[in-house]
Amino acid sequence: MARPQRPAETTPSVPAKLRHDFPLADHTGILLHKAGLLIEQQVDAALGAAGFRLRDFLVLAALSGEAELSQQDLSQVINLDPTTVVALIDDLERAGHVERRRNPADRRRYILGITEAGRAALAETQLVAEEAERAFFARLPEGNRGQLHEMLSVLLVDRWPNSVCV
């Protein structure tokens, strides 16, 4: 006997409010965590459809600035286990997107750098990631998005590796 099918869930055109008797939603940290997971999934899906991986984008974006990051720093920045970061850098190095240079101050450590090919890949992925991010935050008025960004920056200011702080 066939099971009855559940109706497909649809996204309401007007955002629904959470139930008042759902105490988990009373925790700002839980809401922030849930939002982070959802945006990660959406950006990853958008990048995947374009033939890229979120992890690759995170590495290339982190290395595209002026900060000199070691593999350990990068592990902290993108919240991945150091062993996973080594394998990820190996992949990106083989693809010609990233290079390792010995740290002159500590020959046991590497400083990571983005190559021109890596910058080209980042430029392509940046557009995809920004569009996914825009879609995710579309429910918020523009001013609120800026406020959220500033508040998160304040919360995270001393929780980054020293190499990305001034």
N, C-alpha and C. Protein backbone atom coordinates (compact mmCIF):
# COMPACT_ATOMS: atom_id res chain seq x y z
N MET A 1 0.84 -1.16 0.00
CA MET A 1 0.00 0.00 0.00
C MET A 1 0.90 1.24 0.00
N ALA A 2 0.59 2.19 -0.82
CA ALA A 2 1.38 3.42 -0.96
C ALA A 2 1.12 4.34 0.23
N ARG A 3 2.18 4.96 0.68
CA ARG A 3 2.05 5.92 1.77
C ARG A 3 1.48 7.22 1.23
N PRO A 4 0.68 7.89 2.03
CA PRO A 4 0.20 9.20 1.59
C PRO A 4 1.38 10.17 1.55
N GLN A 5 1.41 10.99 0.52
CA GLN A 5 2.49 11.95 0.39
C GLN A 5 2.19 13.20 1.20
N ARG A 6 3.25 13.71 1.82
CA ARG A 6 3.11 14.95 2.57
C ARG A 6 3.12 16.10 1.57
N PRO A 7 2.36 17.11 1.82
CA PRO A 7 2.41 18.26 0.92
C PRO A 7 3.78 18.90 0.96
N ALA A 8 4.24 19.37 -0.17
CA ALA A 8 5.54 20.04 -0.25
C ALA A 8 5.50 21.31 0.58
N GLU A 9 6.60 21.55 1.29
CA GLU A 9 6.69 22.78 2.07
C GLU A 9 6.97 23.93 1.13
N THR A 10 6.33 25.02 1.39
CA THR A 10 6.56 26.20 0.56
C THR A 10 7.06 27.32 1.44
N THR A 11 7.81 28.19 0.84
CA THR A 11 8.30 29.35 1.56
C THR A 11 7.21 30.42 1.51
N PRO A 12 6.78 30.89 2.66
CA PRO A 12 5.73 31.91 2.65
C PRO A 12 6.26 33.20 2.03
N SER A 13 5.37 33.93 1.37
CA SER A 13 5.79 35.18 0.75
C SER A 13 6.06 36.24 1.80
N VAL A 14 5.41 36.13 2.93
CA VAL A 14 5.66 37.03 4.04
C VAL A 14 6.33 36.20 5.14
N PRO A 15 7.48 36.63 5.64
CA PRO A 15 8.15 35.82 6.66
C PRO A 15 7.25 35.55 7.85
N ALA A 16 7.22 34.30 8.24
CA ALA A 16 6.44 33.92 9.42
C ALA A 16 7.27 34.19 10.67
N LYS A 17 6.60 34.43 11.76
CA LYS A 17 7.30 34.60 13.03
C LYS A 17 7.40 33.25 13.71
N LEU A 18 8.42 33.10 14.52
CA LEU A 18 8.55 31.87 15.29
C LEU A 18 7.48 31.85 16.37
N ARG A 19 7.09 30.65 16.72
CA ARG A 19 6.09 30.50 17.78
C ARG A 19 6.62 31.05 19.09
N HIS A 20 5.75 31.61 19.87
CA HIS A 20 6.15 32.15 21.17
C HIS A 20 6.47 31.05 22.17
N ASP A 21 5.97 29.84 21.91
CA ASP A 21 6.23 28.73 22.82
C ASP A 21 7.33 27.80 22.30
N PHE A 22 8.26 28.36 21.56
CA PHE A 22 9.42 27.62 21.06
C PHE A 22 10.67 28.22 21.73
N PRO A 23 10.98 27.77 22.96
CA PRO A 23 12.00 28.43 23.78
C PRO A 23 13.40 28.40 23.18
N LEU A 24 13.69 27.47 22.32
CA LEU A 24 15.01 27.43 21.70
C LEU A 24 15.31 28.74 20.97
N ALA A 25 14.28 29.31 20.39
CA ALA A 25 14.43 30.56 19.63
C ALA A 25 14.64 31.77 20.53
N ASP A 26 14.57 31.59 21.85
CA ASP A 26 14.84 32.70 22.77
C ASP A 26 16.34 32.96 22.91
N HIS A 27 17.17 32.09 22.36
CA HIS A 27 18.62 32.19 22.50
C HIS A 27 19.23 32.80 21.24
N THR A 28 19.75 33.98 21.37
CA THR A 28 20.34 34.69 20.24
C THR A 28 21.46 33.88 19.60
N GLY A 29 22.26 33.24 20.41
CA GLY A 29 23.35 32.42 19.88
C GLY A 29 22.85 31.28 19.01
N ILE A 30 21.74 30.68 19.41
CA ILE A 30 21.15 29.59 18.62
C ILE A 30 20.65 30.14 17.28
N LEU A 31 19.98 31.28 17.32
CA LEU A 31 19.50 31.89 16.07
C LEU A 31 20.67 32.25 15.15
N LEU A 32 21.74 32.78 15.72
CA LEU A 32 22.92 33.13 14.94
C LEU A 32 23.56 31.89 14.34
N HIS A 33 23.64 30.84 15.13
CA HIS A 33 24.19 29.57 14.64
C HIS A 33 23.35 29.01 13.50
N LYS A 34 22.05 29.02 13.67
CA LYS A 34 21.13 28.52 12.63
C LYS A 34 21.27 29.34 11.35
N ALA A 35 21.32 30.66 11.49
CA ALA A 35 21.49 31.52 10.31
C ALA A 35 22.82 31.22 9.63
N GLY A 36 23.87 31.04 10.41
CA GLY A 36 25.18 30.72 9.84
C GLY A 36 25.17 29.41 9.07
N LEU A 37 24.54 28.40 9.64
CA LEU A 37 24.44 27.11 8.94
C LEU A 37 23.67 27.25 7.64
N LEU A 38 22.57 27.98 7.68
CA LEU A 38 21.75 28.13 6.48
C LEU A 38 22.46 28.90 5.38
N ILE A 39 23.14 29.97 5.74
CA ILE A 39 23.84 30.73 4.69
C ILE A 39 25.01 29.91 4.15
N GLU A 40 25.66 29.15 5.01
CA GLU A 40 26.74 28.28 4.55
C GLU A 40 26.20 27.28 3.53
N GLN A 41 25.06 26.68 3.82
CA GLN A 41 24.45 25.72 2.89
C GLN A 41 24.08 26.38 1.57
N GLN A 42 23.51 27.58 1.63
CA GLN A 42 23.08 28.25 0.41
C GLN A 42 24.27 28.69 -0.44
N VAL A 43 25.30 29.22 0.18
CA VAL A 43 26.48 29.63 -0.58
C VAL A 43 27.18 28.40 -1.15
N ASP A 44 27.27 27.34 -0.35
CA ASP A 44 27.90 26.11 -0.83
C ASP A 44 27.14 25.54 -2.03
N ALA A 45 25.82 25.54 -1.97
CA ALA A 45 25.01 25.04 -3.09
C ALA A 45 25.21 25.90 -4.34
N ALA A 46 25.22 27.21 -4.16
CA ALA A 46 25.41 28.11 -5.30
C ALA A 46 26.79 27.93 -5.92
N LEU A 47 27.81 27.82 -5.07
CA LEU A 47 29.16 27.60 -5.59
C LEU A 47 29.27 26.23 -6.25
N GLY A 48 28.64 25.23 -5.64
CA GLY A 48 28.66 23.88 -6.21
C GLY A 48 28.04 23.84 -7.59
N ALA A 49 26.95 24.58 -7.79
CA ALA A 49 26.29 24.64 -9.10
C ALA A 49 27.20 25.29 -10.14
N ALA A 50 28.13 26.12 -9.67
CA ALA A 50 29.07 26.79 -10.58
C ALA A 50 30.39 26.01 -10.69
N GLY A 51 30.45 24.83 -10.04
CA GLY A 51 31.64 24.00 -10.14
C GLY A 51 32.73 24.30 -9.13
N PHE A 52 32.37 24.99 -8.04
CA PHE A 52 33.36 25.34 -7.02
C PHE A 52 32.94 24.74 -5.67
N ARG A 53 33.88 24.78 -4.72
CA ARG A 53 33.59 24.34 -3.35
C ARG A 53 33.68 25.54 -2.41
N LEU A 54 32.82 25.55 -1.42
CA LEU A 54 32.83 26.63 -0.43
C LEU A 54 34.19 26.71 0.25
N ARG A 55 34.77 25.59 0.60
CA ARG A 55 36.07 25.58 1.28
C ARG A 55 37.13 26.27 0.43
N ASP A 56 37.11 26.02 -0.86
CA ASP A 56 38.08 26.67 -1.74
C ASP A 56 37.88 28.18 -1.74
N PHE A 57 36.63 28.60 -1.82
CA PHE A 57 36.31 30.03 -1.79
C PHE A 57 36.81 30.65 -0.49
N LEU A 58 36.56 30.01 0.63
CA LEU A 58 36.97 30.55 1.92
C LEU A 58 38.48 30.73 1.99
N VAL A 59 39.22 29.74 1.50
CA VAL A 59 40.68 29.84 1.51
C VAL A 59 41.15 30.98 0.62
N LEU A 60 40.65 31.02 -0.62
CA LEU A 60 41.09 32.05 -1.55
C LEU A 60 40.73 33.45 -1.05
N ALA A 61 39.54 33.60 -0.49
CA ALA A 61 39.13 34.90 0.04
C ALA A 61 40.01 35.30 1.23
N ALA A 62 40.32 34.34 2.09
CA ALA A 62 41.16 34.64 3.26
C ALA A 62 42.57 35.03 2.85
N LEU A 63 43.07 34.46 1.77
CA LEU A 63 44.44 34.72 1.34
C LEU A 63 44.56 35.92 0.40
N SER A 64 43.44 36.49 0.00
CA SER A 64 43.49 37.54 -1.02
C SER A 64 43.89 38.91 -0.48
N GLY A 65 43.92 39.06 0.82
CA GLY A 65 44.30 40.34 1.41
C GLY A 65 45.78 40.41 1.68
N GLU A 66 46.15 41.35 2.52
CA GLU A 66 47.57 41.59 2.81
C GLU A 66 48.09 40.78 4.00
N ALA A 67 47.21 40.19 4.79
CA ALA A 67 47.65 39.43 5.96
C ALA A 67 48.44 38.20 5.53
N GLU A 68 49.52 37.93 6.24
CA GLU A 68 50.31 36.72 5.99
C GLU A 68 49.77 35.62 6.90
N LEU A 69 49.14 34.63 6.30
CA LEU A 69 48.52 33.57 7.07
C LEU A 69 49.33 32.27 6.96
N SER A 70 49.52 31.64 8.10
CA SER A 70 50.08 30.29 8.11
C SER A 70 48.91 29.32 7.96
N GLN A 71 49.23 28.05 7.77
CA GLN A 71 48.17 27.04 7.70
C GLN A 71 47.40 26.99 9.01
N GLN A 72 48.10 27.18 10.12
CA GLN A 72 47.44 27.19 11.43
C GLN A 72 46.49 28.38 11.55
N ASP A 73 46.95 29.56 11.12
CA ASP A 73 46.08 30.75 11.14
C ASP A 73 44.83 30.50 10.29
N LEU A 74 45.06 29.97 9.09
CA LEU A 74 43.95 29.72 8.18
C LEU A 74 42.95 28.75 8.80
N SER A 75 43.45 27.75 9.49
CA SER A 75 42.59 26.78 10.18
C SER A 75 41.66 27.49 11.15
N GLN A 76 42.19 28.46 11.90
CA GLN A 76 41.38 29.23 12.84
C GLN A 76 40.39 30.14 12.11
N VAL A 77 40.83 30.76 11.04
CA VAL A 77 40.00 31.72 10.32
C VAL A 77 38.77 31.03 9.72
N ILE A 78 38.97 29.86 9.12
CA ILE A 78 37.85 29.21 8.43
C ILE A 78 37.25 28.05 9.23
N ASN A 79 37.69 27.89 10.47
CA ASN A 79 37.13 26.88 11.38
C ASN A 79 37.19 25.45 10.83
N LEU A 80 38.35 25.08 10.34
CA LEU A 80 38.55 23.70 9.89
C LEU A 80 39.73 23.10 10.65
N ASP A 81 39.65 21.81 10.87
CA ASP A 81 40.72 21.08 11.52
C ASP A 81 42.02 21.28 10.74
N PRO A 82 43.15 21.47 11.43
CA PRO A 82 44.43 21.69 10.73
C PRO A 82 44.78 20.61 9.70
N THR A 83 44.47 19.36 9.99
CA THR A 83 44.76 18.28 9.04
C THR A 83 43.94 18.46 7.76
N THR A 84 42.70 18.87 7.91
CA THR A 84 41.84 19.13 6.75
C THR A 84 42.38 20.30 5.94
N VAL A 85 42.88 21.32 6.64
CA VAL A 85 43.43 22.49 5.95
C VAL A 85 44.65 22.09 5.13
N VAL A 86 45.51 21.24 5.66
CA VAL A 86 46.69 20.79 4.92
C VAL A 86 46.26 20.12 3.61
N ALA A 87 45.28 19.23 3.68
CA ALA A 87 44.79 18.55 2.48
C ALA A 87 44.16 19.54 1.50
N LEU A 88 43.43 20.50 2.03
CA LEU A 88 42.79 21.52 1.20
C LEU A 88 43.84 22.37 0.49
N ILE A 89 44.87 22.78 1.21
CA ILE A 89 45.95 23.56 0.61
C ILE A 89 46.69 22.72 -0.43
N ASP A 90 46.88 21.45 -0.15
CA ASP A 90 47.50 20.55 -1.14
C ASP A 90 46.71 20.58 -2.44
N ASP A 91 45.38 20.46 -2.34
CA ASP A 91 44.52 20.48 -3.53
C ASP A 91 44.64 21.81 -4.29
N LEU A 92 44.57 22.89 -3.54
CA LEU A 92 44.63 24.22 -4.17
C LEU A 92 46.02 24.50 -4.74
N GLU A 93 47.03 23.97 -4.12
CA GLU A 93 48.39 24.14 -4.65
C GLU A 93 48.54 23.37 -5.97
N ARG A 94 48.00 22.14 -6.02
CA ARG A 94 48.03 21.35 -7.26
C ARG A 94 47.26 22.05 -8.38
N ALA A 95 46.19 22.75 -8.02
CA ALA A 95 45.38 23.48 -9.01
C ALA A 95 46.05 24.79 -9.43
N GLY A 96 47.13 25.15 -8.76
CA GLY A 96 47.83 26.39 -9.10
C GLY A 96 47.21 27.63 -8.50
N HIS A 97 46.36 27.48 -7.49
CA HIS A 97 45.66 28.62 -6.89
C HIS A 97 46.35 29.18 -5.65
N VAL A 98 47.16 28.34 -5.01
CA VAL A 98 47.80 28.72 -3.75
C VAL A 98 49.25 28.26 -3.79
N GLU A 99 50.10 29.03 -3.10
CA GLU A 99 51.49 28.61 -2.97
C GLU A 99 51.91 28.71 -1.51
N ARG A 100 52.84 27.84 -1.14
CA ARG A 100 53.41 27.86 0.21
C ARG A 100 54.82 28.43 0.11
N ARG A 101 55.13 29.33 1.06
CA ARG A 101 56.49 29.86 1.17
C ARG A 101 56.95 29.65 2.61
N ARG A 102 58.19 29.30 2.78
CA ARG A 102 58.73 29.17 4.15
C ARG A 102 58.68 30.52 4.84
N ASN A 103 58.32 30.49 6.10
CA ASN A 103 58.31 31.70 6.91
C ASN A 103 59.77 31.99 7.30
N PRO A 104 60.32 33.13 6.86
CA PRO A 104 61.73 33.41 7.19
C PRO A 104 61.98 33.50 8.69
N ALA A 105 60.98 33.85 9.47
CA ALA A 105 61.14 33.97 10.92
C ALA A 105 61.06 32.60 11.62
N ASP A 106 60.45 31.62 10.96
CA ASP A 106 60.29 30.28 11.54
C ASP A 106 60.24 29.28 10.40
N ARG A 107 61.38 28.68 10.07
CA ARG A 107 61.49 27.80 8.90
C ARG A 107 60.59 26.56 9.00
N ARG A 108 60.01 26.28 10.16
CA ARG A 108 59.10 25.14 10.29
C ARG A 108 57.71 25.46 9.79
N ARG A 109 57.42 26.74 9.62
CA ARG A 109 56.07 27.18 9.22
C ARG A 109 56.06 27.68 7.79
N TYR A 110 54.89 27.59 7.19
CA TYR A 110 54.69 28.12 5.85
C TYR A 110 53.79 29.35 5.91
N ILE A 111 54.06 30.28 5.03
CA ILE A 111 53.15 31.40 4.79
C ILE A 111 52.44 31.06 3.49
N LEU A 112 51.14 31.19 3.48
CA LEU A 112 50.34 30.86 2.31
C LEU A 112 50.12 32.10 1.46
N GLY A 113 50.09 31.90 0.17
CA GLY A 113 49.84 33.01 -0.74
C GLY A 113 48.90 32.57 -1.86
N ILE A 114 48.16 33.52 -2.38
CA ILE A 114 47.25 33.25 -3.49
C ILE A 114 47.99 33.60 -4.79
N THR A 115 47.83 32.78 -5.80
CA THR A 115 48.47 33.01 -7.09
C THR A 115 47.54 33.82 -7.99
N GLU A 116 48.03 34.20 -9.16
CA GLU A 116 47.18 34.91 -10.13
C GLU A 116 46.01 34.02 -10.56
N ALA A 117 46.27 32.73 -10.75
CA ALA A 117 45.18 31.81 -11.09
C ALA A 117 44.18 31.72 -9.95
N GLY A 118 44.67 31.77 -8.73
CA GLY A 118 43.78 31.77 -7.56
C GLY A 118 42.93 33.03 -7.50
N ARG A 119 43.54 34.17 -7.85
CA ARG A 119 42.78 35.43 -7.87
C ARG A 119 41.69 35.39 -8.94
N ALA A 120 42.00 34.79 -10.09
CA ALA A 120 41.00 34.67 -11.15
C ALA A 120 39.85 33.78 -10.70
N ALA A 121 40.17 32.66 -10.05
CA ALA A 121 39.12 31.76 -9.53
C ALA A 121 38.30 32.47 -8.46
N LEU A 122 38.97 33.24 -7.61
CA LEU A 122 38.26 33.98 -6.56
C LEU A 122 37.31 35.00 -7.17
N ALA A 123 37.74 35.70 -8.20
CA ALA A 123 36.88 36.70 -8.84
C ALA A 123 35.60 36.05 -9.34
N GLU A 124 35.73 34.87 -9.90
CA GLU A 124 34.55 34.16 -10.41
C GLU A 124 33.65 33.68 -9.26
N THR A 125 34.26 33.13 -8.23
CA THR A 125 33.46 32.60 -7.12
C THR A 125 32.87 33.72 -6.27
N GLN A 126 33.56 34.85 -6.20
CA GLN A 126 33.09 35.98 -5.40
C GLN A 126 31.71 36.43 -5.85
N LEU A 127 31.51 36.50 -7.13
CA LEU A 127 30.21 36.93 -7.67
C LEU A 127 29.10 35.96 -7.26
N VAL A 128 29.38 34.68 -7.34
CA VAL A 128 28.39 33.66 -6.98
C VAL A 128 28.08 33.74 -5.49
N ALA A 129 29.13 33.84 -4.67
CA ALA A 129 28.94 33.90 -3.21
C ALA A 129 28.19 35.16 -2.80
N GLU A 130 28.52 36.30 -3.42
CA GLU A 130 27.85 37.55 -3.08
C GLU A 130 26.37 37.50 -3.44
N GLU A 131 26.03 36.89 -4.56
CA GLU A 131 24.63 36.79 -4.95
C GLU A 131 23.86 35.89 -3.98
N ALA A 132 24.46 34.78 -3.57
CA ALA A 132 23.81 33.89 -2.59
C ALA A 132 23.63 34.62 -1.26
N GLU A 133 24.63 35.39 -0.87
CA GLU A 133 24.53 36.15 0.37
C GLU A 133 23.44 37.21 0.28
N ARG A 134 23.39 37.91 -0.85
CA ARG A 134 22.34 38.93 -1.05
C ARG A 134 20.95 38.30 -0.96
N ALA A 135 20.79 37.13 -1.57
CA ALA A 135 19.49 36.45 -1.54
C ALA A 135 19.12 36.05 -0.11
N PHE A 136 20.11 35.57 0.65
CA PHE A 136 19.83 35.15 2.02
C PHE A 136 19.39 36.33 2.88
N PHE A 137 20.06 37.47 2.73
CA PHE A 137 19.77 38.63 3.57
C PHE A 137 18.69 39.54 3.00
N ALA A 138 18.05 39.13 1.93
CA ALA A 138 17.06 39.99 1.26
C ALA A 138 15.90 40.38 2.17
N ARG A 139 15.61 39.59 3.17
CA ARG A 139 14.50 39.92 4.08
C ARG A 139 14.82 41.09 5.00
N LEU A 140 16.09 41.40 5.14
CA LEU A 140 16.50 42.51 6.01
C LEU A 140 16.64 43.80 5.21
N PRO A 141 16.17 44.89 5.74
CA PRO A 141 16.44 46.18 5.08
C PRO A 141 17.95 46.42 5.03
N GLU A 142 18.41 47.11 4.00
CA GLU A 142 19.84 47.33 3.79
C GLU A 142 20.54 47.87 5.03
N GLY A 143 19.96 48.84 5.70
CA GLY A 143 20.56 49.39 6.90
C GLY A 143 20.76 48.35 7.99
N ASN A 144 19.81 47.44 8.11
CA ASN A 144 19.93 46.39 9.12
C ASN A 144 21.07 45.42 8.79
N ARG A 145 21.28 45.17 7.50
CA ARG A 145 22.40 44.29 7.12
C ARG A 145 23.71 44.91 7.54
N GLY A 146 23.84 46.21 7.32
CA GLY A 146 25.06 46.90 7.74
C GLY A 146 25.24 46.87 9.24
N GLN A 147 24.15 47.05 9.97
CA GLN A 147 24.20 46.99 11.43
C GLN A 147 24.61 45.60 11.89
N LEU A 148 24.03 44.57 11.29
CA LEU A 148 24.36 43.20 11.65
C LEU A 148 25.85 42.95 11.42
N HIS A 149 26.34 43.40 10.28
CA HIS A 149 27.76 43.23 9.97
C HIS A 149 28.64 43.90 11.03
N GLU A 150 28.29 45.12 11.39
CA GLU A 150 29.06 45.85 12.40
C GLU A 150 29.01 45.15 13.76
N MET A 151 27.83 44.68 14.16
CA MET A 151 27.70 44.00 15.45
C MET A 151 28.52 42.71 15.47
N LEU A 152 28.47 41.96 14.38
CA LEU A 152 29.26 40.72 14.33
C LEU A 152 30.75 41.03 14.34
N SER A 153 31.15 42.10 13.67
CA SER A 153 32.55 42.50 13.69
C SER A 153 33.01 42.81 15.11
N VAL A 154 32.16 43.47 15.88
CA VAL A 154 32.49 43.78 17.28
C VAL A 154 32.62 42.49 18.09
N LEU A 155 31.70 41.57 17.89
CA LEU A 155 31.74 40.31 18.63
C LEU A 155 32.99 39.49 18.30
N LEU A 156 33.48 39.60 17.09
CA LEU A 156 34.58 38.74 16.65
C LEU A 156 35.95 39.42 16.68
N VAL A 157 36.00 40.69 17.05
CA VAL A 157 37.23 41.47 16.90
C VAL A 157 38.46 40.82 17.53
N ASP A 158 38.36 40.24 18.69
CA ASP A 158 39.53 39.63 19.33
C ASP A 158 39.49 38.11 19.29
N ARG A 159 38.71 37.59 18.36
CA ARG A 159 38.58 36.13 18.24
C ARG A 159 39.15 35.61 16.92
N TRP A 160 39.98 36.42 16.29
CA TRP A 160 40.67 36.04 15.06
C TRP A 160 42.14 35.84 15.40
N PRO A 161 42.87 35.15 14.54
CA PRO A 161 44.33 35.07 14.77
C PRO A 161 44.95 36.46 14.70
N ASN A 162 46.03 36.67 15.43
CA ASN A 162 46.71 37.97 15.46
C ASN A 162 47.09 38.45 14.06
N SER A 163 47.37 37.52 13.16
CA SER A 163 47.83 37.92 11.82
C SER A 163 46.76 38.65 11.02
N VAL A 164 45.49 38.58 11.42
CA VAL A 164 44.44 39.29 10.68
C VAL A 164 43.89 40.48 11.48
N CYS A 165 44.55 40.81 12.57
CA CYS A 165 44.12 41.94 13.40
C CYS A 165 45.15 43.06 13.32
N VAL A 166 44.68 44.28 13.56
CA VAL A 166 45.60 45.42 13.58
C VAL A 166 45.72 45.96 14.98
